[in-house]
C-alpha atoms as a PDB file:
ATOM      1  CA  MET A   1      13.515  -7.754 -32.332  1.00  0.00           C
ATOM      2  CA  THR A   2      12.966 -10.962 -30.441  1.00  0.00           C
ATOM      3  CA  GLY A   3      15.327 -13.851 -30.226  1.00  0.00           C
ATOM      4  CA  PRO A   4      14.829 -17.431 -29.174  1.00  0.00           C
ATOM      5  CA  PRO A   5      12.820 -17.971 -25.961  1.00  0.00           C
ATOM      6  CA  ALA A   6      15.924 -18.614 -23.858  1.00  0.00           C
ATOM      7  CA  ALA A   7      17.466 -15.326 -25.012  1.00  0.00           C
ATOM      8  CA  ASN A   8      14.232 -13.465 -24.208  1.00  0.00           C
ATOM      9  CA  ASP A   9      14.194 -15.039 -20.743  1.00  0.00           C
ATOM     10  CA  ARG A  10      17.824 -14.036 -20.114  1.00  0.00           C
ATOM     11  CA  ARG A  11      17.081 -10.466 -21.151  1.00  0.00           C
ATOM     12  CA  ALA A  12      14.063 -10.381 -18.827  1.00  0.00           C
ATOM     13  CA  ASP A  13      16.177 -11.768 -15.971  1.00  0.00           C
ATOM     14  CA  GLN A  14      18.886  -9.171 -16.624  1.00  0.00           C
ATOM     15  CA  ARG A  15      16.331  -6.382 -16.727  1.00  0.00           C
ATOM     16  CA  ALA A  16      14.904  -7.550 -13.391  1.00  0.00           C
ATOM     17  CA  GLY A  17      18.351  -7.246 -11.859  1.00  0.00           C
ATOM     18  CA  ASP A  18      18.866  -3.792 -13.385  1.00  0.00           C
ATOM     19  CA  GLN A  19      15.630  -2.369 -11.963  1.00  0.00           C
ATOM     20  CA  GLY A  20      16.914  -2.304  -8.389  1.00  0.00           C
ATOM     21  CA  ALA A  21      14.791  -0.425  -5.894  1.00  0.00           C
ATOM     22  CA  GLY A  22      13.026   1.535  -8.650  1.00  0.00           C
ATOM     23  CA  ASP A  23      10.271  -1.034  -8.880  1.00  0.00           C
ATOM     24  CA  GLN A  24      11.043  -3.816  -6.445  1.00  0.00           C
ATOM     25  CA  ARG A  25       7.773  -5.708  -6.982  1.00  0.00           C
ATOM     26  CA  LEU A  26       8.364  -6.019 -10.709  1.00  0.00           C
ATOM     27  CA  ALA A  27      11.986  -7.049 -10.174  1.00  0.00           C
ATOM     28  CA  GLU A  28      10.866  -9.724  -7.699  1.00  0.00           C
ATOM     29  CA  ALA A  29       8.091 -10.952  -9.985  1.00  0.00           C
ATOM     30  CA  VAL A  30      10.362 -11.280 -12.996  1.00  0.00           C
ATOM     31  CA  GLY A  31      13.318 -12.615 -11.036  1.00  0.00           C
ATOM     32  CA  ASN A  32      11.605 -14.968  -8.599  1.00  0.00           C
ATOM     33  CA  TRP A  33       8.398 -16.248 -10.199  1.00  0.00           C
ATOM     34  CA  ARG A  34       9.705 -17.324 -13.608  1.00  0.00           C
ATOM     35  CA  ALA A  35      10.305 -20.976 -12.692  1.00  0.00           C
ATOM     36  CA  ARG A  36       6.933 -21.293 -10.988  1.00  0.00           C
ATOM     37  CA  PHE A  37       5.085 -19.775 -13.929  1.00  0.00           C
ATOM     38  CA  LEU A  38       6.891 -21.876 -16.532  1.00  0.00           C
ATOM     39  CA  GLU A  39       6.381 -25.053 -14.480  1.00  0.00           C
ATOM     40  CA  ASN A  40       2.660 -24.316 -14.358  1.00  0.00           C
ATOM     41  CA  GLY A  41       2.220 -23.901 -18.098  1.00  0.00           C
ATOM     42  CA  VAL A  42       3.280 -20.406 -19.131  1.00  0.00           C
ATOM     43  CA  ASN A  43       4.844 -20.541 -22.567  1.00  0.00           C
ATOM     44  CA  PRO A  44       8.496 -19.427 -22.222  1.00  0.00           C
ATOM     45  CA  SER A  45       8.197 -17.150 -25.271  1.00  0.00           C
ATOM     46  CA  ASP A  46       5.095 -15.524 -23.808  1.00  0.00           C
ATOM     47  CA  TYR A  47       6.862 -15.051 -20.485  1.00  0.00           C
ATOM     48  CA  GLY A  48       9.826 -13.369 -22.169  1.00  0.00           C
ATOM     49  CA  ARG A  49       7.636 -11.201 -24.373  1.00  0.00           C
ATOM     50  CA  VAL A  50       5.379 -10.003 -21.537  1.00  0.00           C
ATOM     51  CA  THR A  51       8.077  -9.440 -18.937  1.00  0.00           C
ATOM     52  CA  SER A  52      10.254  -7.590 -21.427  1.00  0.00           C
ATOM     53  CA  SER A  53       7.371  -5.253 -22.253  1.00  0.00           C
ATOM     54  CA  VAL A  54       6.531  -4.347 -18.646  1.00  0.00           C
ATOM     55  CA  THR A  55       8.692  -1.582 -17.214  1.00  0.00           C
ATOM     56  CA  GLU A  56       6.737  -0.867 -14.007  1.00  0.00           C
ATOM     57  CA  TRP A  57       4.645  -3.007 -11.667  1.00  0.00           C
ATOM     58  CA  SER A  58       1.601  -0.916 -12.604  1.00  0.00           C
ATOM     59  CA  GLY A  59       1.754  -2.514 -16.075  1.00  0.00           C
ATOM     60  CA  TRP A  60       1.836  -6.147 -14.865  1.00  0.00           C
ATOM     61  CA  LEU A  61      -1.903  -6.821 -14.734  1.00  0.00           C
ATOM     62  CA  ASP A  62      -2.629  -5.099 -18.050  1.00  0.00           C
ATOM     63  CA  ALA A  63       0.181  -6.866 -19.925  1.00  0.00           C
ATOM     64  CA  TRP A  64      -0.803 -10.368 -18.788  1.00  0.00           C
ATOM     65  CA  SER A  65      -4.513  -9.604 -19.224  1.00  0.00           C
ATOM     66  CA  ALA A  66      -3.912  -8.473 -22.816  1.00  0.00           C
ATOM     67  CA  LEU A  67      -2.266 -11.794 -23.631  1.00  0.00           C
ATOM     68  CA  ALA A  68      -5.044 -13.664 -21.815  1.00  0.00           C
ATOM     69  CA  GLU A  69      -7.615 -11.801 -23.922  1.00  0.00           C
ATOM     70  CA  VAL A  70      -5.914 -13.019 -27.106  1.00  0.00           C
ATOM     71  CA  HIS A  71      -6.172 -16.648 -25.967  1.00  0.00           C
ATOM     72  CA  GLU A  72      -9.715 -16.155 -24.693  1.00  0.00           C
ATOM     73  CA  SER A  73     -10.772 -14.738 -28.060  1.00  0.00           C
ATOM     74  CA  LEU A  74      -9.126 -17.628 -29.929  1.00  0.00           C
ATOM     75  CA  GLY A  75     -10.772 -20.106 -27.563  1.00  0.00           C
ATOM     76  CA  ARG A  76     -14.234 -18.614 -27.946  1.00  0.00           C
ATOM     77  CA  GLU A  77     -13.823 -18.541 -31.722  1.00  0.00           C
ATOM     78  CA  ALA A  78     -12.783 -22.209 -31.657  1.00  0.00           C
ATOM     79  CA  LEU A  79     -15.867 -23.029 -29.563  1.00  0.00           C
ATOM     80  CA  ALA A  80     -18.069 -21.292 -32.121  1.00  0.00           C
ATOM     81  CA  HIS A  81     -16.550 -23.481 -34.873  1.00  0.00           C
ATOM     82  CA  GLY A  82     -16.730 -26.723 -32.914  1.00  0.00           C
ATOM     83  CA  LEU A  83     -12.947 -27.003 -32.551  1.00  0.00           C
ATOM     84  CA  TRP A  84     -13.153 -28.431 -29.044  1.00  0.00           C
ATOM     85  CA  ARG A  85      -9.517 -29.300 -28.383  1.00  0.00           C
ATOM     86  CA  SER A  86      -8.305 -25.910 -29.613  1.00  0.00           C
ATOM     87  CA  ALA A  87     -10.986 -24.205 -27.536  1.00  0.00           C
ATOM     88  CA  GLY A  88      -9.948 -26.080 -24.404  1.00  0.00           C
ATOM     89  CA  GLY A  89      -6.285 -25.288 -24.954  1.00  0.00           C
ATOM     90  CA  HIS A  90      -6.760 -21.575 -25.588  1.00  0.00           C
ATOM     91  CA  LEU A  91      -9.308 -21.073 -22.816  1.00  0.00           C
ATOM     92  CA  SER A  92      -7.170 -22.895 -20.253  1.00  0.00           C
ATOM     93  CA  GLN A  93      -4.156 -20.805 -21.310  1.00  0.00           C
ATOM     94  CA  ALA A  94      -6.274 -17.652 -20.966  1.00  0.00           C
ATOM     95  CA  ALA A  95      -7.323 -18.754 -17.467  1.00  0.00           C
ATOM     96  CA  LEU A  96      -3.683 -19.228 -16.491  1.00  0.00           C
ATOM     97  CA  TYR A  97      -2.641 -15.830 -17.869  1.00  0.00           C
ATOM     98  CA  TYR A  98      -5.533 -14.071 -16.130  1.00  0.00           C
ATOM     99  CA  HIS A  99      -4.463 -15.809 -12.926  1.00  0.00           C
ATOM    100  CA  ILE A 100      -0.889 -14.591 -13.353  1.00  0.00           C
ATOM    101  CA  ALA A 101      -2.143 -11.095 -14.145  1.00  0.00           C
ATOM    102  CA  LYS A 102      -3.820 -10.848 -10.755  1.00  0.00           C
ATOM    103  CA  PHE A 103      -1.162 -12.839  -8.871  1.00  0.00           C
ATOM    104  CA  PHE A 104      -0.219 -10.659  -5.876  1.00  0.00           C
ATOM    105  CA  TRP A 105      -2.142  -7.757  -7.419  1.00  0.00           C
ATOM    106  CA  VAL A 106      -3.370  -5.716  -4.463  1.00  0.00           C
ATOM    107  CA  ASP A 107      -3.213  -2.237  -5.996  1.00  0.00           C
ATOM    108  CA  ASP A 108      -6.825  -2.326  -7.177  1.00  0.00           C
ATOM    109  CA  ILE A 109      -8.958  -5.006  -5.542  1.00  0.00           C
ATOM    110  CA  ILE A 110     -11.914  -4.409  -7.871  1.00  0.00           C
ATOM    111  CA  GLU A 111      -9.688  -4.969 -10.917  1.00  0.00           C
ATOM    112  CA  MET A 112      -8.128  -8.026  -9.264  1.00  0.00           C
ATOM    113  CA  ARG A 113     -11.569  -9.537  -8.680  1.00  0.00           C
ATOM    114  CA  ARG A 114     -12.654  -8.751 -12.246  1.00  0.00           C
ATOM    115  CA  THR A 115      -9.547 -10.458 -13.580  1.00  0.00           C
ATOM    116  CA  HIS A 116     -10.119 -13.419 -11.260  1.00  0.00           C
ATOM    117  CA  ALA A 117     -13.669 -13.746 -12.592  1.00  0.00           C
ATOM    118  CA  HIS A 118     -12.278 -13.905 -16.148  1.00  0.00           C
ATOM    119  CA  ALA A 119      -9.858 -16.646 -15.068  1.00  0.00           C
ATOM    120  CA  VAL A 120     -12.645 -18.718 -13.517  1.00  0.00           C
ATOM    121  CA  SER A 121     -14.949 -18.221 -16.504  1.00  0.00           C
ATOM    122  CA  CYS A 122     -12.274 -19.294 -18.987  1.00  0.00           C
ATOM    123  CA  LEU A 123     -11.318 -22.329 -16.939  1.00  0.00           C
ATOM    124  CA  MET A 124     -14.917 -23.461 -16.462  1.00  0.00           C
ATOM    125  CA  ASP A 125     -15.513 -23.150 -20.214  1.00  0.00           C
ATOM    126  CA  ALA A 126     -12.279 -25.017 -20.986  1.00  0.00           C
ATOM    127  CA  LEU A 127     -12.786 -27.977 -18.635  1.00  0.00           C
ATOM    128  CA  PRO A 128     -15.066 -30.169 -20.778  1.00  0.00           C
ATOM    129  CA  HIS A 129     -12.757 -29.732 -23.768  1.00  0.00           C
ATOM    130  CA  LEU A 130      -9.486 -30.766 -22.118  1.00  0.00           C
ATOM    131  CA  ASP A 131      -7.950 -34.198 -22.538  1.00  0.00           C
ATOM    132  CA  PRO A 132      -8.915 -35.740 -20.210  1.00  0.00           C
ATOM    133  CA  PRO A 133     -11.960 -33.568 -19.585  1.00  0.00           C
ATOM    134  CA  GLY A 134     -12.053 -31.688 -16.334  1.00  0.00           C
ATOM    135  CA  ARG A 135     -15.028 -31.016 -14.152  1.00  0.00           C
ATOM    136  CA  GLU A 136     -15.920 -28.440 -11.577  1.00  0.00           C
ATOM    137  CA  ARG A 137     -15.776 -29.495  -7.963  1.00  0.00           C
ATOM    138  CA  ARG A 138     -17.265 -27.428  -5.213  1.00  0.00           C
ATOM    139  CA  ARG A 139     -15.947 -27.403  -1.706  1.00  0.00           C
ATOM    140  CA  SER A 140     -17.441 -25.913   1.388  1.00  0.00           C
ATOM    141  CA  ARG A 141     -15.646 -24.320   4.301  1.00  0.00           C
ATOM    142  CA  ARG A 142     -18.056 -22.564   6.541  1.00  0.00           C
ATOM    143  CA  GLY A 143     -20.468 -20.893   4.230  1.00  0.00           C
ATOM    144  CA  PRO A 144     -21.615 -21.420   0.667  1.00  0.00           C
ATOM    145  CA  PRO A 145     -19.750 -23.847  -1.609  1.00  0.00           C
ATOM    146  CA  ARG A 146     -16.918 -22.305  -3.619  1.00  0.00           C
ATOM    147  CA  PRO A 147     -15.290 -23.463  -6.831  1.00  0.00           C
ATOM    148  CA  GLY A 148     -12.221 -25.524  -5.992  1.00  0.00           C
END
């Protein structure tokens, strides 16, 4: 059973405090990153739902990626139907959730890079459909230009 977003967030915060040394990375993620994630566009209900479902750090990337996949699918379906604003919104949300999935994920670098590639792909596809539209900018620092 889920309650209002604030109640879900409180339960997630309490759970983070209860985890102790058992899974310190998860406790720190849930306890310390909440404000940053919400400030940067994570839906509070999504945050509560995902963090309440993850019981070990090893589940962090998969849980956020699963939610990102839902938004990516909705965004790609909206693109196929010419629903540009919906596409931009869902794809940009997917990019954010993929980014959070791989945030500080160093357990499996190949999986982190794969997830990062999904984030970049979703964001690039979302940019022209945002209001105002975004555009890719490349920057160079010693070497080939990189998305920035």
